[in-house]
Amino acid sequence: MAVLKVIEVLSNSEKSWEDATKKAVKEASKTVKNIKSVYVQDQSAMVKNNEVVEFRVNLKITFEVN
């Protein structure tokens, strides 16, 4: 039987929500091993001078505990 743990992570990107998600997984994988999935809980964006300047994601990363 596998034991899974979930952590909540916030990330941002100037490119896209997808890029912010990829950055979060890449950064988390430096200290968290056996990442199995990611669930994007919330998406938001920062606007400056009527233009989107930053994409933000709040996501949950699931990984297997050995």
PDB file of N, CA and C in Angstrom:
ATOM      1  N   MET A   1       0.842  -1.180   0.000  1.00  0.00           N
ATOM      2  CA  MET A   1       0.000   0.000   0.000  1.00  0.00           C
ATOM      3  C   MET A   1       0.891   1.248   0.000  1.00  0.00           C
ATOM      4  N   ALA A   2       0.582   2.184  -0.855  1.00  0.00           N
ATOM      5  CA  ALA A   2       1.346   3.426  -0.950  1.00  0.00           C
ATOM      6  C   ALA A   2       0.755   4.473  -0.010  1.00  0.00           C
ATOM      7  N   VAL A   3       1.637   5.274   0.564  1.00  0.00           N
ATOM      8  CA  VAL A   3       1.212   6.398   1.389  1.00  0.00           C
ATOM      9  C   VAL A   3       1.557   7.667   0.621  1.00  0.00           C
ATOM     10  N   LEU A   4       0.562   8.520   0.430  1.00  0.00           N
ATOM     11  CA  LEU A   4       0.747   9.757  -0.322  1.00  0.00           C
ATOM     12  C   LEU A   4       0.597  10.959   0.596  1.00  0.00           C
ATOM     13  N   LYS A   5       1.332  12.000   0.285  1.00  0.00           N
ATOM     14  CA  LYS A   5       1.251  13.244   1.041  1.00  0.00           C
ATOM     15  C   LYS A   5       0.981  14.376   0.058  1.00  0.00           C
ATOM     16  N   VAL A   6       0.267  15.406   0.521  1.00  0.00           N
ATOM     17  CA  VAL A   6      -0.068  16.556  -0.323  1.00  0.00           C
ATOM     18  C   VAL A   6       0.468  17.821   0.338  1.00  0.00           C
ATOM     19  N   ILE A   7       1.141  18.639  -0.462  1.00  0.00           N
ATOM     20  CA  ILE A   7       1.592  19.950   0.008  1.00  0.00           C
ATOM     21  C   ILE A   7       1.006  21.020  -0.899  1.00  0.00           C
ATOM     22  N   GLU A   8       0.835  22.196  -0.347  1.00  0.00           N
ATOM     23  CA  GLU A   8       0.303  23.313  -1.123  1.00  0.00           C
ATOM     24  C   GLU A   8       1.450  24.252  -1.484  1.00  0.00           C
ATOM     25  N   VAL A   9       1.479  24.671  -2.755  1.00  0.00           N
ATOM     26  CA  VAL A   9       2.575  25.489  -3.265  1.00  0.00           C
ATOM     27  C   VAL A   9       1.999  26.658  -4.061  1.00  0.00           C
ATOM     28  N   LEU A  10       2.637  27.809  -3.943  1.00  0.00           N
ATOM     29  CA  LEU A  10       2.283  28.981  -4.736  1.00  0.00           C
ATOM     30  C   LEU A  10       3.424  29.264  -5.703  1.00  0.00           C
ATOM     31  N   SER A  11       3.083  29.668  -6.931  1.00  0.00           N
ATOM     32  CA  SER A  11       4.108  29.960  -7.924  1.00  0.00           C
ATOM     33  C   SER A  11       3.627  31.064  -8.847  1.00  0.00           C
ATOM     34  N   ASN A  12       4.566  31.694  -9.535  1.00  0.00           N
ATOM     35  CA  ASN A  12       4.198  32.754 -10.479  1.00  0.00           C
ATOM     36  C   ASN A  12       5.082  32.699 -11.717  1.00  0.00           C
ATOM     37  N   SER A  13       4.618  33.342 -12.768  1.00  0.00           N
ATOM     38  CA  SER A  13       5.355  33.412 -14.025  1.00  0.00           C
ATOM     39  C   SER A  13       4.902  34.636 -14.809  1.00  0.00           C
ATOM     40  N   GLU A  14       5.802  35.184 -15.560  1.00  0.00           N
ATOM     41  CA  GLU A  14       5.444  36.289 -16.450  1.00  0.00           C
ATOM     42  C   GLU A  14       4.883  35.772 -17.769  1.00  0.00           C
ATOM     43  N   LYS A  15       5.015  34.450 -18.033  1.00  0.00           N
ATOM     44  CA  LYS A  15       4.591  33.867 -19.312  1.00  0.00           C
ATOM     45  C   LYS A  15       3.156  33.355 -19.294  1.00  0.00           C
ATOM     46  N   SER A  16       2.857  32.417 -18.358  1.00  0.00           N
ATOM     47  CA  SER A  16       1.549  31.756 -18.385  1.00  0.00           C
ATOM     48  C   SER A  16       1.305  30.986 -17.092  1.00  0.00           C
ATOM     49  N   TRP A  17       0.049  30.548 -16.917  1.00  0.00           N
ATOM     50  CA  TRP A  17      -0.276  29.693 -15.772  1.00  0.00           C
ATOM     51  C   TRP A  17       0.436  28.353 -15.905  1.00  0.00           C
ATOM     52  N   GLU A  18       0.515  27.860 -17.136  1.00  0.00           N
ATOM     53  CA  GLU A  18       1.201  26.586 -17.376  1.00  0.00           C
ATOM     54  C   GLU A  18       2.672  26.684 -16.969  1.00  0.00           C
ATOM     55  N   ASP A  19       3.312  27.767 -17.324  1.00  0.00           N
ATOM     56  CA  ASP A  19       4.714  27.967 -16.960  1.00  0.00           C
ATOM     57  C   ASP A  19       4.871  28.076 -15.449  1.00  0.00           C
ATOM     58  N   ALA A  20       3.952  28.758 -14.793  1.00  0.00           N
ATOM     59  CA  ALA A  20       4.002  28.865 -13.330  1.00  0.00           C
ATOM     60  C   ALA A  20       3.875  27.485 -12.688  1.00  0.00           C
ATOM     61  N   THR A  21       3.023  26.637 -13.244  1.00  0.00           N
ATOM     62  CA  THR A  21       2.855  25.273 -12.727  1.00  0.00           C
ATOM     63  C   THR A  21       4.131  24.470 -12.914  1.00  0.00           C
ATOM     64  N   LYS A  22       4.719  24.553 -14.089  1.00  0.00           N
ATOM     65  CA  LYS A  22       5.958  23.823 -14.360  1.00  0.00           C
ATOM     66  C   LYS A  22       7.089  24.291 -13.447  1.00  0.00           C
ATOM     67  N   LYS A  23       7.163  25.590 -13.214  1.00  0.00           N
ATOM     68  CA  LYS A  23       8.185  26.128 -12.319  1.00  0.00           C
ATOM     69  C   LYS A  23       8.003  25.610 -10.891  1.00  0.00           C
ATOM     70  N   ALA A  24       6.749  25.515 -10.444  1.00  0.00           N
ATOM     71  CA  ALA A  24       6.471  25.017  -9.092  1.00  0.00           C
ATOM     72  C   ALA A  24       6.917  23.567  -8.937  1.00  0.00           C
ATOM     73  N   VAL A  25       6.584  22.737  -9.929  1.00  0.00           N
ATOM     74  CA  VAL A  25       6.970  21.329  -9.866  1.00  0.00           C
ATOM     75  C   VAL A  25       8.492  21.186  -9.918  1.00  0.00           C
ATOM     76  N   LYS A  26       9.136  21.946 -10.783  1.00  0.00           N
ATOM     77  CA  LYS A  26      10.597  21.884 -10.900  1.00  0.00           C
ATOM     78  C   LYS A  26      11.264  22.282  -9.584  1.00  0.00           C
ATOM     79  N   GLU A  27      10.782  23.343  -8.972  1.00  0.00           N
ATOM     80  CA  GLU A  27      11.374  23.807  -7.712  1.00  0.00           C
ATOM     81  C   GLU A  27      11.101  22.832  -6.571  1.00  0.00           C
ATOM     82  N   ALA A  28       9.866  22.331  -6.491  1.00  0.00           N
ATOM     83  CA  ALA A  28       9.515  21.383  -5.431  1.00  0.00           C
ATOM     84  C   ALA A  28      10.309  20.089  -5.560  1.00  0.00           C
ATOM     85  N   SER A  29      10.587  19.676  -6.790  1.00  0.00           N
ATOM     86  CA  SER A  29      11.291  18.410  -7.005  1.00  0.00           C
ATOM     87  C   SER A  29      12.743  18.446  -6.514  1.00  0.00           C
ATOM     88  N   LYS A  30      13.245  19.630  -6.183  1.00  0.00           N
ATOM     89  CA  LYS A  30      14.595  19.725  -5.619  1.00  0.00           C
ATOM     90  C   LYS A  30      14.659  19.115  -4.221  1.00  0.00           C
ATOM     91  N   THR A  31      13.545  19.164  -3.496  1.00  0.00           N
ATOM     92  CA  THR A  31      13.528  18.614  -2.138  1.00  0.00           C
ATOM     93  C   THR A  31      12.467  17.538  -1.926  1.00  0.00           C
ATOM     94  N   VAL A  32      11.482  17.465  -2.807  1.00  0.00           N
ATOM     95  CA  VAL A  32      10.404  16.479  -2.691  1.00  0.00           C
ATOM     96  C   VAL A  32      10.602  15.427  -3.780  1.00  0.00           C
ATOM     97  N   LYS A  33      10.695  14.180  -3.374  1.00  0.00           N
ATOM     98  CA  LYS A  33      10.889  13.087  -4.332  1.00  0.00           C
ATOM     99  C   LYS A  33       9.571  12.366  -4.581  1.00  0.00           C
ATOM    100  N   ASN A  34       9.506  11.634  -5.668  1.00  0.00           N
ATOM    101  CA  ASN A  34       8.348  10.797  -6.013  1.00  0.00           C
ATOM    102  C   ASN A  34       7.061  11.595  -6.226  1.00  0.00           C
ATOM    103  N   ILE A  35       7.152  12.759  -6.877  1.00  0.00           N
ATOM    104  CA  ILE A  35       5.954  13.539  -7.181  1.00  0.00           C
ATOM    105  C   ILE A  35       5.099  12.748  -8.162  1.00  0.00           C
ATOM    106  N   LYS A  36       3.817  12.603  -7.832  1.00  0.00           N
ATOM    107  CA  LYS A  36       2.899  11.803  -8.646  1.00  0.00           C
ATOM    108  C   LYS A  36       1.911  12.649  -9.441  1.00  0.00           C
ATOM    109  N   SER A  37       1.473  13.777  -8.874  1.00  0.00           N
ATOM    110  CA  SER A  37       0.490  14.597  -9.570  1.00  0.00           C
ATOM    111  C   SER A  37       0.483  16.014  -9.019  1.00  0.00           C
ATOM    112  N   VAL A  38      -0.175  16.882  -9.779  1.00  0.00           N
ATOM    113  CA  VAL A  38      -0.347  18.264  -9.346  1.00  0.00           C
ATOM    114  C   VAL A  38      -1.779  18.671  -9.670  1.00  0.00           C
ATOM    115  N   TYR A  39      -2.406  19.356  -8.729  1.00  0.00           N
ATOM    116  CA  TYR A  39      -3.779  19.830  -8.899  1.00  0.00           C
ATOM    117  C   TYR A  39      -3.763  21.346  -8.773  1.00  0.00           C
ATOM    118  N   VAL A  40      -4.126  22.031  -9.844  1.00  0.00           N
ATOM    119  CA  VAL A  40      -4.168  23.491  -9.813  1.00  0.00           C
ATOM    120  C   VAL A  40      -5.474  23.903  -9.144  1.00  0.00           C
ATOM    121  N   GLN A  41      -5.338  24.469  -7.962  1.00  0.00           N
ATOM    122  CA  GLN A  41      -6.498  24.846  -7.155  1.00  0.00           C
ATOM    123  C   GLN A  41      -7.050  26.208  -7.564  1.00  0.00           C
ATOM    124  N   ASP A  42      -6.161  27.170  -7.759  1.00  0.00           N
ATOM    125  CA  ASP A  42      -6.572  28.529  -8.117  1.00  0.00           C
ATOM    126  C   ASP A  42      -5.609  29.122  -9.130  1.00  0.00           C
ATOM    127  N   GLN A  43      -6.140  29.989  -9.957  1.00  0.00           N
ATOM    128  CA  GLN A  43      -5.336  30.760 -10.886  1.00  0.00           C
ATOM    129  C   GLN A  43      -5.710  32.229 -10.725  1.00  0.00           C
ATOM    130  N   SER A  44      -4.710  33.086 -10.805  1.00  0.00           N
ATOM    131  CA  SER A  44      -4.993  34.520 -10.768  1.00  0.00           C
ATOM    132  C   SER A  44      -3.917  35.227 -11.588  1.00  0.00           C
ATOM    133  N   ALA A  45      -4.143  36.488 -11.829  1.00  0.00           N
ATOM    134  CA  ALA A  45      -3.178  37.265 -12.608  1.00  0.00           C
ATOM    135  C   ALA A  45      -3.095  38.680 -12.053  1.00  0.00           C
ATOM    136  N   MET A  46      -1.923  39.249 -12.173  1.00  0.00           N
ATOM    137  CA  MET A  46      -1.709  40.635 -11.780  1.00  0.00           C
ATOM    138  C   MET A  46      -1.770  41.501 -13.030  1.00  0.00           C
ATOM    139  N   VAL A  47      -2.446  42.637 -12.918  1.00  0.00           N
ATOM    140  CA  VAL A  47      -2.618  43.543 -14.057  1.00  0.00           C
ATOM    141  C   VAL A  47      -1.965  44.881 -13.730  1.00  0.00           C
ATOM    142  N   LYS A  48      -1.255  45.400 -14.709  1.00  0.00           N
ATOM    143  CA  LYS A  48      -0.617  46.708 -14.559  1.00  0.00           C
ATOM    144  C   LYS A  48      -0.795  47.455 -15.878  1.00  0.00           C
ATOM    145  N   ASN A  49      -1.307  48.660 -15.807  1.00  0.00           N
ATOM    146  CA  ASN A  49      -1.549  49.476 -17.016  1.00  0.00           C
ATOM    147  C   ASN A  49      -2.387  48.719 -18.048  1.00  0.00           C
ATOM    148  N   ASN A  50      -3.439  48.071 -17.563  1.00  0.00           N
ATOM    149  CA  ASN A  50      -4.385  47.333 -18.411  1.00  0.00           C
ATOM    150  C   ASN A  50      -3.779  46.135 -19.139  1.00  0.00           C
ATOM    151  N   GLU A  51      -2.664  45.617 -18.632  1.00  0.00           N
ATOM    152  CA  GLU A  51      -2.034  44.440 -19.228  1.00  0.00           C
ATOM    153  C   GLU A  51      -1.706  43.429 -18.136  1.00  0.00           C
ATOM    154  N   VAL A  52      -1.860  42.152 -18.465  1.00  0.00           N
ATOM    155  CA  VAL A  52      -1.486  41.096 -17.527  1.00  0.00           C
ATOM    156  C   VAL A  52       0.035  41.042 -17.476  1.00  0.00           C
ATOM    157  N   VAL A  53       0.585  41.174 -16.268  1.00  0.00           N
ATOM    158  CA  VAL A  53       2.039  41.192 -16.111  1.00  0.00           C
ATOM    159  C   VAL A  53       2.567  39.974 -15.352  1.00  0.00           C
ATOM    160  N   GLU A  54       1.657  39.241 -14.693  1.00  0.00           N
ATOM    161  CA  GLU A  54       2.102  38.078 -13.933  1.00  0.00           C
ATOM    162  C   GLU A  54       0.954  37.095 -13.760  1.00  0.00           C
ATOM    163  N   PHE A  55       1.266  35.819 -13.972  1.00  0.00           N
ATOM    164  CA  PHE A  55       0.299  34.745 -13.767  1.00  0.00           C
ATOM    165  C   PHE A  55       0.659  34.022 -12.473  1.00  0.00           C
ATOM    166  N   ARG A  56      -0.355  33.711 -11.664  1.00  0.00           N
ATOM    167  CA  ARG A  56      -0.119  33.046 -10.388  1.00  0.00           C
ATOM    168  C   ARG A  56      -0.972  31.788 -10.277  1.00  0.00           C
ATOM    169  N   VAL A  57      -0.395  30.762  -9.668  1.00  0.00           N
ATOM    170  CA  VAL A  57      -1.139  29.533  -9.413  1.00  0.00           C
ATOM    171  C   VAL A  57      -0.959  29.123  -7.959  1.00  0.00           C
ATOM    172  N   ASN A  58      -2.021  28.559  -7.437  1.00  0.00           N
ATOM    173  CA  ASN A  58      -2.009  27.931  -6.117  1.00  0.00           C
ATOM    174  C   ASN A  58      -2.296  26.469  -6.414  1.00  0.00           C
ATOM    175  N   LEU A  59      -1.339  25.596  -6.135  1.00  0.00           N
ATOM    176  CA  LEU A  59      -1.530  24.203  -6.503  1.00  0.00           C
ATOM    177  C   LEU A  59      -1.169  23.254  -5.374  1.00  0.00           C
ATOM    178  N   LYS A  60      -1.667  22.028  -5.523  1.00  0.00           N
ATOM    179  CA  LYS A  60      -1.378  20.981  -4.560  1.00  0.00           C
ATOM    180  C   LYS A  60      -0.555  19.915  -5.265  1.00  0.00           C
ATOM    181  N   ILE A  61       0.565  19.583  -4.654  1.00  0.00           N
ATOM    182  CA  ILE A  61       1.471  18.572  -5.197  1.00  0.00           C
ATOM    183  C   ILE A  61       1.340  17.313  -4.358  1.00  0.00           C
ATOM    184  N   THR A  62       1.082  16.195  -5.025  1.00  0.00           N
ATOM    185  CA  THR A  62       0.952  14.902  -4.347  1.00  0.00           C
ATOM    186  C   THR A  62       2.208  14.075  -4.619  1.00  0.00           C
ATOM    187  N   PHE A  63       2.761  13.513  -3.550  1.00  0.00           N
ATOM    188  CA  PHE A  63       3.940  12.667  -3.716  1.00  0.00           C
ATOM    189  C   PHE A  63       3.856  11.449  -2.805  1.00  0.00           C
ATOM    190  N   GLU A  64       4.582  10.413  -3.198  1.00  0.00           N
ATOM    191  CA  GLU A  64       4.580   9.172  -2.443  1.00  0.00           C
ATOM    192  C   GLU A  64       5.632   9.226  -1.357  1.00  0.00           C
ATOM    193  N   VAL A  65       5.255   8.810  -0.154  1.00  0.00           N
ATOM    194  CA  VAL A  65       6.164   8.760   0.981  1.00  0.00           C
ATOM    195  C   VAL A  65       6.723   7.346   1.087  1.00  0.00           C
ATOM    196  N   ASN A  66       8.041   7.246   1.150  1.00  0.00           N
ATOM    197  CA  ASN A  66       8.680   5.917   1.255  1.00  0.00           C
ATOM    198  C   ASN A  66       8.967   5.572   2.692  1.00  0.00           C
TER     199      ASN A  66
END
